[in-house]
């Protein structure tokens, strides 16, 4: 399960998020809104909201912005209604792609997704056409540091309920079942560990390499434009990206 070039992707995402804090806050605000709509405004009884708040804090979202998002979603401030829609399809040469969106206009979002896939050598598929090639897992990334004892971290993670622990180049990766993610994350946080990333993700079971320079350029552009789209929350794929 481990060693799927996550760190290169995380560093890429972190650099982008550092430059686009406003956009990231907007996306997390939508996650909070959907979580409140589904389970209410109290994170103590709404695990999805608790996860969204943890993600917001990991991205240095101010507490007053988090509170405002919760109030807005619970109807105290008014606001748009968002729904979660997952698109599945193929990039160039059959690369599997999953796009998680939150939108207040599903016709607009569907049109934009279809346009991007078509323009960059891919095509949208039906629900389930590629998701069977991925496993849903909680993924916690902790950067290596002199004050972290690897054996101690592994023991803490596994005792908290993690499925897998691996030491990669420059970071530790902890995998959990989706239902155990919050518990493992909260336990490690209470032990004083800081996360470079902590979220539930779709991890590809196998990777696909692209040989053609044209395919590589198209796939890079497709990922970039999908991630930049305001309605898109997450993009997952099984392309074995070249190391930057």
Protein backbone atom coordinates (compact mmCIF):
# COMPACT_ATOMS: atom_id res chain seq x y z
CA UNK A 1 0.00 0.00 0.00
CA UNK A 2 2.76 2.42 0.88
CA UNK A 3 5.26 4.14 -1.36
CA UNK A 4 2.87 5.58 -3.91
CA UNK A 5 4.76 8.84 -4.52
CA UNK A 6 2.53 10.73 -2.12
CA UNK A 7 5.15 13.09 -0.79
CA UNK A 8 5.91 14.63 -4.20
CA UNK A 9 2.19 15.23 -4.62
CA UNK A 10 1.83 16.65 -1.11
CA UNK A 11 4.73 19.07 -1.55
CA UNK A 12 3.23 20.13 -4.87
CA UNK A 13 -0.15 20.66 -3.23
CA UNK A 14 1.37 22.47 -0.25
CA UNK A 15 3.21 24.92 -2.49
CA UNK A 16 0.00 25.57 -4.35
CA UNK A 17 -2.03 25.97 -1.18
CA UNK A 18 0.50 28.35 0.30
CA UNK A 19 0.04 30.51 -2.77
CA UNK A 20 -3.75 30.07 -2.87
CA UNK A 21 -4.89 30.15 0.74
CA UNK A 22 -8.11 31.91 -0.21
CA UNK A 23 -9.09 29.14 -2.62
CA UNK A 24 -8.24 26.40 -0.12
CA UNK A 25 -10.29 28.13 2.59
CA UNK A 26 -13.23 28.30 0.18
CA UNK A 27 -12.98 24.57 -0.55
CA UNK A 28 -12.71 23.63 3.13
CA UNK A 29 -15.62 25.98 3.88
CA UNK A 30 -17.72 23.94 1.46
CA UNK A 31 -16.69 20.71 3.21
CA UNK A 32 -17.79 22.22 6.52
CA UNK A 33 -21.08 23.35 4.95
CA UNK A 34 -21.92 19.89 3.62
CA UNK A 35 -20.92 18.25 6.92
CA UNK A 36 -23.17 20.61 8.92
CA UNK A 37 -26.04 20.04 6.50
CA UNK A 38 -25.72 16.26 6.88
CA UNK A 39 -25.01 15.95 10.61
CA UNK A 40 -25.60 19.25 12.40
CA UNK A 41 -23.29 22.00 13.73
CA UNK A 42 -21.82 20.17 16.73
CA UNK A 43 -18.48 18.46 15.95
CA UNK A 44 -18.79 16.36 19.12
CA UNK A 45 -21.67 14.44 17.53
CA UNK A 46 -20.77 14.98 13.86
CA UNK A 47 -17.55 13.14 12.96
CA UNK A 48 -17.57 14.44 9.38
CA UNK A 49 -17.62 18.02 10.68
CA UNK A 50 -14.89 17.16 13.20
CA UNK A 51 -12.71 15.88 10.33
CA UNK A 52 -13.39 19.01 8.27
CA UNK A 53 -12.47 21.28 11.20
CA UNK A 54 -9.24 19.32 11.76
CA UNK A 55 -8.40 19.75 8.08
CA UNK A 56 -9.15 23.48 8.33
CA UNK A 57 -6.82 23.86 11.32
CA UNK A 58 -4.08 21.85 9.58
CA UNK A 59 -4.29 24.42 6.77
CA UNK A 60 -4.05 27.30 9.28
CA UNK A 61 -7.62 28.43 8.68
CA UNK A 62 -8.48 31.06 11.35
CA UNK A 63 -10.92 29.96 14.07
CA UNK A 64 -13.32 32.81 13.32
CA UNK A 65 -13.44 31.73 9.66
CA UNK A 66 -14.24 28.16 10.76
CA UNK A 67 -16.98 29.40 13.12
CA UNK A 68 -18.45 31.61 10.41
CA UNK A 69 -18.55 28.65 7.98
CA UNK A 70 -20.42 26.54 10.56
CA UNK A 71 -22.93 29.34 11.30
CA UNK A 72 -23.44 29.98 7.60
CA UNK A 73 -24.10 26.30 6.96
CA UNK A 74 -26.52 25.99 9.88
CA UNK A 75 -28.65 28.80 8.46
CA UNK A 76 -27.64 31.54 10.86
CA UNK A 77 -25.94 33.58 8.13
CA UNK A 78 -27.58 32.24 4.97
CA UNK A 79 -25.64 30.77 2.04
CA UNK A 80 -25.64 28.46 -0.93
CA UNK A 81 -26.52 24.77 -0.66
CA UNK A 82 -23.78 22.45 -1.88
CA UNK A 83 -24.00 18.81 -2.84
CA UNK A 84 -21.22 16.29 -3.23
CA UNK A 85 -20.83 14.72 -6.67
CA UNK A 86 -18.04 12.31 -7.64
CA UNK A 87 -16.97 12.03 -11.27
CA UNK A 88 -14.99 9.09 -12.62
CA UNK A 89 -13.22 8.86 -15.93
CA UNK A 90 -10.05 8.27 -17.87
CA UNK A 91 -7.12 10.49 -18.72
CA UNK A 92 -4.75 9.92 -21.66
CA UNK A 93 -3.90 6.24 -22.33
CA UNK A 94 -6.52 5.05 -19.85
CA UNK A 95 -5.19 6.64 -16.64
CA UNK A 96 -7.93 6.25 -14.00
CA UNK A 97 -9.18 9.56 -12.54
CA UNK A 98 -11.60 10.29 -9.69
CA UNK A 99 -12.77 13.87 -9.10
CA UNK A 100 -14.63 14.78 -5.90
CA UNK A 101 -16.66 17.97 -6.23
CA UNK A 102 -18.96 20.12 -4.11
CA UNK A 103 -21.26 22.28 -6.18
CA UNK A 104 -24.30 24.51 -5.99
CA UNK A 105 -24.94 23.96 -9.73
CA UNK A 106 -24.45 20.37 -10.88
CA UNK A 107 -25.20 21.15 -14.54
CA UNK A 108 -22.38 23.71 -14.63
CA UNK A 109 -19.96 21.36 -12.90
CA UNK A 110 -20.83 18.38 -15.12
CA UNK A 111 -20.29 20.50 -18.22
CA UNK A 112 -16.92 21.76 -16.98
CA UNK A 113 -15.75 18.25 -16.05
CA UNK A 114 -16.75 16.83 -19.44
CA UNK A 115 -15.02 19.69 -21.25
CA UNK A 116 -11.72 19.24 -19.37
CA UNK A 117 -11.62 15.46 -19.83
CA UNK A 118 -12.43 15.75 -23.54
CA UNK A 119 -9.94 18.56 -24.16
CA UNK A 120 -6.99 16.75 -22.60
CA UNK A 121 -7.24 13.31 -24.14
CA UNK A 122 -9.61 11.64 -21.73
CA UNK A 123 -13.30 10.98 -21.26
CA UNK A 124 -15.80 10.90 -18.42
CA UNK A 125 -17.13 7.48 -17.51
CA UNK A 126 -20.03 6.15 -15.49
CA UNK A 127 -20.12 5.91 -11.70
CA UNK A 128 -17.97 2.97 -10.59
CA UNK A 129 -15.97 2.71 -13.82
CA UNK A 130 -12.62 3.31 -12.08
CA UNK A 131 -13.31 3.51 -8.32
CA UNK A 132 -12.90 -0.27 -7.99
CA UNK A 133 -9.21 0.31 -8.80
CA UNK A 134 -8.77 2.42 -5.64
CA UNK A 135 -8.94 1.75 -1.90
CA UNK A 136 -10.46 4.34 0.44
CA UNK A 137 -8.02 4.94 3.29
CA UNK A 138 -7.19 7.45 5.98
CA UNK A 139 -3.73 8.81 5.17
CA UNK A 140 -1.62 10.62 7.77
CA UNK A 141 1.73 12.08 6.73
CA UNK A 142 4.31 13.20 9.32
CA UNK A 143 7.58 14.76 8.23
CA UNK A 144 10.71 13.12 9.63
CA UNK A 145 12.42 15.12 12.37
CA UNK A 146 15.19 14.57 14.91
CA UNK A 147 12.72 14.64 17.80
CA UNK A 148 10.58 11.81 16.37
CA UNK A 149 11.46 8.25 17.37
CA UNK A 150 10.33 6.03 14.48
CA UNK A 151 9.66 2.95 16.63
CA UNK A 152 7.68 4.99 19.14
CA UNK A 153 5.59 6.62 16.41
CA UNK A 154 4.90 3.25 14.78
CA UNK A 155 3.84 1.75 18.11
CA UNK A 156 1.57 4.71 18.93
CA UNK A 157 -0.03 4.59 15.47
CA UNK A 158 -0.68 0.84 15.46
CA UNK A 159 -1.98 0.86 19.03
CA UNK A 160 -4.38 3.67 18.07
CA UNK A 161 -5.80 1.46 15.30
CA UNK A 162 -3.69 2.17 12.20
CA UNK A 163 -3.52 -0.57 9.53
CA UNK A 164 -0.08 0.18 8.16
CA UNK A 165 3.01 2.26 8.94
CA UNK A 166 5.91 2.98 6.61
CA UNK A 167 9.01 5.16 6.66
CA UNK A 168 9.48 6.78 3.27
CA UNK A 169 12.07 9.27 2.02
CA UNK A 170 11.67 12.26 4.32
CA UNK A 171 8.34 11.32 5.88
CA UNK A 172 6.29 8.68 7.68
CA UNK A 173 3.04 7.43 6.20
CA UNK A 174 0.27 5.99 8.36
CA UNK A 175 -2.72 4.28 6.76
CA UNK A 176 -6.05 3.58 8.47
CA UNK A 177 -9.47 2.22 7.62
CA UNK A 178 -11.81 5.19 6.96
CA UNK A 179 -13.80 4.47 10.15
CA UNK A 180 -10.64 4.49 12.29
CA UNK A 181 -9.12 7.64 10.77
CA UNK A 182 -10.48 10.18 13.29
CA UNK A 183 -9.46 8.08 16.27
CA UNK A 184 -5.90 7.53 15.01
CA UNK A 185 -5.48 11.19 14.03
CA UNK A 186 -6.84 12.48 17.35
CA UNK A 187 -4.68 10.07 19.38
CA UNK A 188 -1.48 11.06 17.58
CA UNK A 189 -2.39 14.74 17.83
CA UNK A 190 -2.84 14.39 21.60
CA UNK A 191 0.61 12.76 21.75
CA UNK A 192 2.04 15.94 20.23
CA UNK A 193 2.64 14.87 16.64
CA UNK A 194 2.20 17.46 13.86
CA UNK A 195 0.84 16.40 10.48
CA UNK A 196 1.98 17.52 7.04
CA UNK A 197 -1.30 16.07 5.78
CA UNK A 198 -4.19 14.11 7.26
CA UNK A 199 -7.22 13.17 5.18
CA UNK A 200 -9.30 10.32 3.80
CA UNK A 201 -8.12 9.58 0.27
CA UNK A 202 -8.57 7.19 -2.62
CA UNK A 203 -5.33 5.23 -3.06
CA UNK A 204 -4.70 3.46 -6.38
CA UNK A 205 -4.09 -0.28 -6.20
CA UNK A 206 -1.79 -0.19 -9.23
CA UNK A 207 -0.04 2.64 -11.06
CA UNK A 208 -0.01 3.50 -14.77
CA UNK A 209 3.03 4.92 -16.58
CA UNK A 210 2.73 7.29 -19.54
CA UNK A 211 5.37 6.96 -22.26
CA UNK A 212 4.29 9.63 -24.76
CA UNK A 213 5.47 13.19 -24.10
CA UNK A 214 2.13 14.42 -25.45
CA UNK A 215 0.19 12.20 -23.02
CA UNK A 216 2.35 13.38 -20.12
CA UNK A 217 1.70 17.05 -20.96
CA UNK A 218 -2.03 16.46 -21.35
CA UNK A 219 -2.26 14.56 -18.06
CA UNK A 220 -0.34 17.28 -16.20
CA UNK A 221 -2.66 19.93 -17.64
CA UNK A 222 -5.78 17.92 -16.86
CA UNK A 223 -4.75 17.50 -13.20
CA UNK A 224 -3.76 21.16 -12.91
CA UNK A 225 -7.02 22.50 -14.35
CA UNK A 226 -9.16 20.07 -12.35
CA UNK A 227 -7.42 21.11 -9.11
CA UNK A 228 -7.84 24.79 -9.99
CA UNK A 229 -11.58 24.41 -10.63
CA UNK A 230 -13.59 26.08 -7.85
CA UNK A 231 -16.03 23.17 -7.58
CA UNK A 232 -13.33 20.48 -7.25
CA UNK A 233 -12.33 19.34 -3.76
CA UNK A 234 -9.98 16.44 -4.56
CA UNK A 235 -8.43 14.77 -7.59
CA UNK A 236 -7.17 11.17 -7.42
CA UNK A 237 -5.48 9.23 -10.22
CA UNK A 238 -3.26 6.21 -10.79
CA UNK A 239 -0.69 7.95 -12.99
CA UNK A 240 2.85 7.22 -11.85
CA UNK A 241 3.92 10.87 -11.97
CA UNK A 242 7.59 11.51 -12.76
CA UNK A 243 9.51 12.83 -9.76
CA UNK A 244 9.95 16.59 -9.87
